[in-house]
Amino acid sequence: MPLLTLGSHQNIVYLLGEGAINTFPTSTLKRYDVTTGSTTEIVKMPHVRITEAQVSVDGQWILFVAGSKLQMIRMDGQAQSPYCWDFDSSYDTGKLFIDHCIQLVALGSAGVGLRQGPSSITVQSATGGPSNTVYTNPKQAIIAVRVVGYTSTSLLLIIENQSDGHVSVDTSQNGLWKINTDGSGLTRLTMENAGDRTSLNRYTQYPWSNFSHDGSTYAARIAAFQGNSPPAYSLVFGSLSGGTPTMFATVPHPGEVTQLELAGWTTM
């Protein structure tokens, strides 16, 4: 977990529970700055009773019990999410390729939060055993990995740094990339505009879900987010050798029920 840069002001961390003793109150963890006299809300959890709150020795974290769950939150209200990872298997079912990255979200938040590096891609036998790290990136978040084809020695990956609006992150490397299964030959395939997010087929991971049958071309979805408006979607395809992708379908002004998703490839 990435550390928080602490200041020099002495702060008191405390717990406030509101509500009748025999009901589930609203529980809030706060901190009070004795230098400035300001109070900051760290996390607020309605209908949950927080107990046994403790501050870590380095002042970075608060450990507490929320209902029946043991939880931890960083002093700025961020907690590591368990879903910033992805995997795919080789098509002989012999190997697993797994990516990991750092994602911090405020407890109870439905947003992406803060997503960044370090991240890595590891490979291991599908039957278990030790893993081997084939690629690491200290600053960028790898959020998806796909094996390109049945006999391919290449992986497609998505780098997608995201900010929660409070911390600045580098999004200049966001987009699709290709890399060899041994970690060599990293090649950029797409670039994103501010607010864009790239995704592959959401439902299946077969090679024809994302790649042409001859293994030369990929397809992806781009969601363009602008403020609180619904995103505008587009579908693109491009060469796995690189070059500018081609947009072939778009929903410029989607409504709440509009969909634009990849289903897969065929030949006709």
Protein backbone atom coordinates (compact mmCIF):
# COMPACT_ATOMS: atom_id res chain seq x y z
CA MET A 1 0.00 0.00 0.00
CA PRO A 2 1.38 3.46 -0.85
CA LEU A 3 2.21 5.65 2.13
CA LEU A 4 0.66 9.02 2.85
CA THR A 5 2.95 12.05 3.15
CA LEU A 6 2.32 13.26 6.69
CA GLY A 7 2.66 16.85 7.88
CA SER A 8 4.14 18.34 11.07
CA HIS A 9 0.88 19.31 12.85
CA GLN A 10 -0.17 17.18 15.81
CA ASN A 11 -3.58 15.58 15.16
CA ILE A 12 -5.97 13.71 17.44
CA VAL A 13 -7.95 10.90 15.83
CA TYR A 14 -11.32 10.11 17.39
CA LEU A 15 -14.56 8.20 16.83
CA LEU A 16 -18.07 9.69 16.87
CA GLY A 17 -21.12 7.43 17.04
CA GLU A 18 -24.55 9.00 16.57
CA GLY A 19 -27.90 7.31 17.23
CA ALA A 20 -29.77 5.46 19.93
CA ILE A 21 -27.81 2.85 21.87
CA ASN A 22 -30.07 0.02 20.68
CA THR A 23 -29.97 0.99 16.97
CA PHE A 24 -27.26 1.07 14.36
CA PRO A 25 -25.81 4.57 14.55
CA THR A 26 -23.85 6.58 12.05
CA SER A 27 -20.18 6.10 12.91
CA THR A 28 -17.58 8.67 11.89
CA LEU A 29 -13.81 8.67 12.26
CA LYS A 30 -12.38 12.19 12.47
CA ARG A 31 -9.12 13.93 13.20
CA TYR A 32 -8.56 17.26 14.97
CA ASP A 33 -5.57 19.46 14.13
CA VAL A 34 -4.43 21.06 17.38
CA THR A 35 -2.40 23.67 15.51
CA THR A 36 -5.12 25.02 13.23
CA GLY A 37 -8.16 23.96 15.25
CA SER A 38 -9.69 22.33 12.16
CA THR A 39 -11.59 19.03 12.14
CA THR A 40 -11.41 16.62 9.18
CA GLU A 41 -13.81 13.75 8.52
CA ILE A 42 -11.84 10.62 7.62
CA VAL A 43 -14.74 8.24 6.93
CA LYS A 44 -18.46 8.22 7.70
CA MET A 45 -20.36 4.93 7.76
CA PRO A 46 -24.17 5.06 8.20
CA HIS A 47 -25.95 2.22 9.98
CA VAL A 48 -22.65 0.72 11.11
CA ARG A 49 -21.19 0.68 14.60
CA ILE A 50 -17.41 1.22 14.56
CA THR A 51 -15.52 -0.05 17.59
CA GLU A 52 -11.94 -0.65 18.72
CA ALA A 53 -10.36 2.05 16.53
CA GLN A 54 -6.56 2.16 16.80
CA VAL A 55 -3.91 4.28 15.05
CA SER A 56 -0.85 2.54 13.62
CA VAL A 57 2.58 3.28 15.09
CA ASP A 58 3.59 5.31 12.00
CA GLY A 59 0.41 7.40 12.10
CA GLN A 60 -0.58 6.30 8.58
CA TRP A 61 -3.49 3.97 9.24
CA ILE A 62 -6.52 3.39 11.46
CA LEU A 63 -7.51 -0.20 12.24
CA PHE A 64 -11.09 -0.71 13.42
CA VAL A 65 -14.01 -3.11 13.64
CA ALA A 66 -17.10 -2.13 11.60
CA GLY A 67 -19.96 -4.43 12.54
CA SER A 68 -18.36 -7.86 12.16
CA LYS A 69 -15.57 -6.80 9.77
CA LEU A 70 -11.99 -5.89 10.60
CA GLN A 71 -11.07 -2.96 8.35
CA MET A 72 -8.23 -0.52 7.79
CA ILE A 73 -8.24 2.96 6.32
CA ARG A 74 -5.48 5.41 5.52
CA MET A 75 -5.44 8.68 7.46
CA ASP A 76 -6.71 10.61 4.42
CA GLY A 77 -9.80 8.39 4.13
CA GLN A 78 -8.52 6.00 1.49
CA ALA A 79 -8.56 2.22 1.74
CA GLN A 80 -6.99 -0.31 -0.62
CA SER A 81 -9.51 -2.05 -2.86
CA PRO A 82 -9.18 -5.79 -3.62
CA TYR A 83 -10.26 -5.59 -7.25
CA CYS A 84 -7.31 -3.82 -8.90
CA TRP A 85 -6.06 -6.99 -10.54
CA ASP A 86 -6.84 -9.19 -13.53
CA PHE A 87 -5.71 -12.48 -15.04
CA ASP A 88 -5.78 -14.61 -18.16
CA SER A 89 -4.65 -18.14 -18.97
CA SER A 90 -2.62 -19.48 -21.85
CA TYR A 91 -4.88 -21.41 -24.19
CA ASP A 92 -3.16 -24.69 -23.47
CA THR A 93 -4.39 -24.02 -19.86
CA GLY A 94 -0.83 -24.43 -18.62
CA LYS A 95 -0.07 -20.91 -17.37
CA LEU A 96 -1.76 -18.04 -15.56
CA PHE A 97 -0.78 -14.44 -16.24
CA ILE A 98 -1.81 -12.16 -13.39
CA ASP A 99 -1.53 -8.39 -13.06
CA HIS A 100 -1.62 -6.37 -9.84
CA CYS A 101 -1.84 -2.62 -9.20
CA ILE A 102 -2.61 -0.15 -6.42
CA GLN A 103 -6.13 1.16 -6.03
CA LEU A 104 -7.37 3.32 -3.16
CA VAL A 105 -11.03 4.17 -2.70
CA ALA A 106 -12.91 5.91 0.06
CA LEU A 107 -14.92 3.40 2.08
CA GLY A 108 -18.49 3.34 0.78
CA SER A 109 -17.55 5.10 -2.46
CA ALA A 110 -18.81 3.79 -5.79
CA GLY A 111 -16.13 5.55 -7.83
CA VAL A 112 -12.79 4.39 -9.16
CA GLY A 113 -10.90 6.42 -6.56
CA LEU A 114 -7.12 6.67 -6.90
CA ARG A 115 -5.47 4.10 -9.16
CA GLN A 116 -1.72 4.09 -9.78
CA GLY A 117 1.48 2.04 -9.75
CA PRO A 118 3.44 0.16 -8.76
CA SER A 119 2.05 -2.72 -10.77
CA SER A 120 3.34 -6.02 -12.09
CA ILE A 121 2.58 -9.00 -14.30
CA THR A 122 3.42 -12.44 -12.93
CA VAL A 123 3.20 -15.89 -14.49
CA GLN A 124 2.72 -19.20 -12.76
CA SER A 125 1.61 -22.74 -13.47
CA ALA A 126 -2.17 -23.17 -13.63
CA THR A 127 -1.80 -26.08 -11.21
CA GLY A 128 -0.13 -23.90 -8.56
CA GLY A 129 3.40 -23.35 -7.38
CA PRO A 130 5.69 -20.31 -7.29
CA SER A 131 5.11 -17.29 -9.54
CA ASN A 132 7.64 -15.45 -11.65
CA THR A 133 7.46 -11.69 -12.21
CA VAL A 134 7.88 -10.94 -15.92
CA TYR A 135 7.20 -7.19 -15.87
CA THR A 136 6.97 -4.37 -13.31
CA ASN A 137 6.02 -0.72 -13.65
CA PRO A 138 6.71 1.57 -10.66
CA LYS A 139 4.32 4.38 -11.67
CA GLN A 140 1.56 2.99 -13.91
CA ALA A 141 -1.46 0.84 -13.04
CA ILE A 142 -1.90 -2.28 -15.19
CA ILE A 143 -5.60 -3.12 -14.87
CA ALA A 144 -6.07 -5.84 -17.50
CA VAL A 145 -4.01 -8.51 -19.25
CA ARG A 146 -4.98 -10.82 -22.13
CA VAL A 147 -3.11 -13.56 -23.99
CA VAL A 148 -3.25 -12.61 -27.68
CA GLY A 149 -3.84 -16.07 -29.18
CA TYR A 150 -3.44 -19.82 -29.00
CA THR A 151 0.18 -19.89 -30.13
CA SER A 152 1.09 -16.26 -29.47
CA THR A 153 3.95 -15.20 -27.24
CA SER A 154 2.39 -11.75 -26.71
CA LEU A 155 0.12 -10.18 -24.11
CA LEU A 156 -2.21 -7.22 -24.46
CA LEU A 157 -2.42 -5.02 -21.38
CA ILE A 158 -4.25 -1.86 -20.33
CA ILE A 159 -2.51 0.89 -18.36
CA GLU A 160 -5.12 3.06 -16.67
CA ASN A 161 -3.97 5.48 -13.98
CA GLN A 162 -6.93 7.32 -12.45
CA SER A 163 -7.25 10.16 -9.94
CA ASP A 164 -9.88 10.63 -7.25
CA GLY A 165 -9.75 14.37 -7.87
CA HIS A 166 -7.62 15.06 -4.80
CA VAL A 167 -4.29 13.55 -5.86
CA SER A 168 -2.56 14.19 -9.19
CA VAL A 169 -1.52 11.08 -11.14
CA ASP A 170 0.25 10.66 -14.49
CA THR A 171 -2.33 9.64 -17.12
CA SER A 172 -0.07 10.23 -20.13
CA GLN A 173 0.67 6.49 -20.48
CA ASN A 174 -2.98 5.35 -20.32
CA GLY A 175 -4.15 3.08 -23.12
CA LEU A 176 -3.49 -0.29 -24.74
CA TRP A 177 0.00 -1.80 -24.81
CA LYS A 178 1.51 -5.06 -26.09
CA ILE A 179 4.32 -6.99 -24.42
CA ASN A 180 5.98 -10.37 -24.92
CA THR A 181 5.21 -13.08 -22.39
CA ASP A 182 8.81 -12.89 -21.14
CA GLY A 183 8.41 -9.17 -20.34
CA SER A 184 10.32 -7.83 -23.36
CA GLY A 185 9.17 -5.73 -26.30
CA LEU A 186 6.76 -3.32 -24.61
CA THR A 187 4.91 -1.49 -27.42
CA ARG A 188 2.26 1.22 -27.16
CA LEU A 189 -0.88 0.69 -29.27
CA THR A 190 -3.29 3.49 -28.26
CA MET A 191 -3.33 6.85 -26.49
CA GLU A 192 -6.20 8.30 -24.45
CA ASN A 193 -7.64 11.78 -24.22
CA ALA A 194 -8.33 13.27 -20.79
CA GLY A 195 -11.30 11.47 -19.25
CA ASP A 196 -11.06 8.40 -21.51
CA ARG A 197 -11.07 4.82 -20.22
CA THR A 198 -10.21 1.80 -22.34
CA SER A 199 -11.73 -1.65 -21.89
CA LEU A 200 -11.77 -4.98 -23.68
CA ASN A 201 -14.58 -7.53 -23.99
CA ARG A 202 -16.27 -7.45 -20.59
CA TYR A 203 -17.68 -10.97 -20.60
CA THR A 204 -15.26 -13.46 -22.20
CA GLN A 205 -11.50 -13.89 -22.58
CA TYR A 206 -11.25 -16.21 -25.59
CA PRO A 207 -8.81 -15.01 -28.25
CA TRP A 208 -11.65 -14.22 -30.68
CA SER A 209 -13.32 -12.06 -28.00
CA ASN A 210 -10.70 -9.34 -28.49
CA PHE A 211 -8.51 -10.36 -31.45
CA SER A 212 -9.07 -11.20 -35.12
CA HIS A 213 -8.84 -14.85 -36.15
CA ASP A 214 -5.51 -14.28 -37.88
CA GLY A 215 -4.07 -12.74 -34.70
CA SER A 216 -3.14 -9.45 -36.34
CA THR A 217 -5.78 -7.02 -35.04
CA TYR A 218 -7.39 -6.05 -31.73
CA ALA A 219 -10.68 -4.37 -30.85
CA ALA A 220 -11.42 -2.22 -27.78
CA ARG A 221 -14.04 0.09 -26.29
CA ILE A 222 -13.32 3.70 -25.32
CA ALA A 223 -15.55 5.44 -22.77
CA ALA A 224 -15.16 9.23 -22.73
CA PHE A 225 -16.17 10.72 -19.38
CA GLN A 226 -16.95 14.44 -19.14
CA GLY A 227 -17.87 15.61 -15.64
CA ASN A 228 -20.99 13.94 -14.25
CA SER A 229 -22.54 13.32 -17.68
CA PRO A 230 -23.01 9.76 -18.99
CA PRO A 231 -19.93 8.69 -20.98
CA ALA A 232 -19.79 8.73 -24.77
CA TYR A 233 -18.79 5.28 -26.09
CA SER A 234 -16.85 4.28 -29.18
CA LEU A 235 -15.45 1.01 -30.54
CA VAL A 236 -12.06 0.92 -32.26
CA PHE A 237 -9.79 -1.62 -33.95
CA GLY A 238 -6.10 -1.48 -34.70
CA SER A 239 -3.03 -3.44 -35.70
CA LEU A 240 -1.11 -5.32 -33.02
CA SER A 241 2.01 -4.03 -34.76
CA GLY A 242 1.05 -0.47 -33.75
CA GLY A 243 -0.33 2.56 -35.54
CA THR A 244 -3.42 4.75 -35.16
CA PRO A 245 -6.59 2.74 -34.39
CA THR A 246 -9.78 3.15 -36.45
CA MET A 247 -13.14 4.02 -34.86
CA PHE A 248 -16.00 2.02 -36.42
CA ALA A 249 -18.93 2.55 -34.03
CA THR A 250 -19.88 5.31 -31.63
CA VAL A 251 -22.65 6.52 -29.32
CA PRO A 252 -21.86 10.22 -28.94
CA HIS A 253 -24.70 11.08 -26.57
CA PRO A 254 -25.69 7.92 -24.69
CA GLY A 255 -28.64 7.74 -22.37
CA GLU A 256 -28.83 5.74 -19.18
CA VAL A 257 -29.86 2.52 -20.97
CA THR A 258 -27.56 2.83 -24.01
CA GLN A 259 -25.02 0.03 -24.54
CA LEU A 260 -22.05 -0.31 -26.84
CA GLU A 261 -20.10 -3.50 -26.10
CA LEU A 262 -17.73 -5.85 -27.89
CA ALA A 263 -19.02 -9.36 -28.58
CA GLY A 264 -16.11 -10.85 -30.54
CA TRP A 265 -14.61 -11.57 -33.96
CA THR A 266 -15.53 -13.88 -36.83
CA THR A 267 -14.77 -14.30 -40.56
CA MET A 268 -17.33 -14.00 -43.37
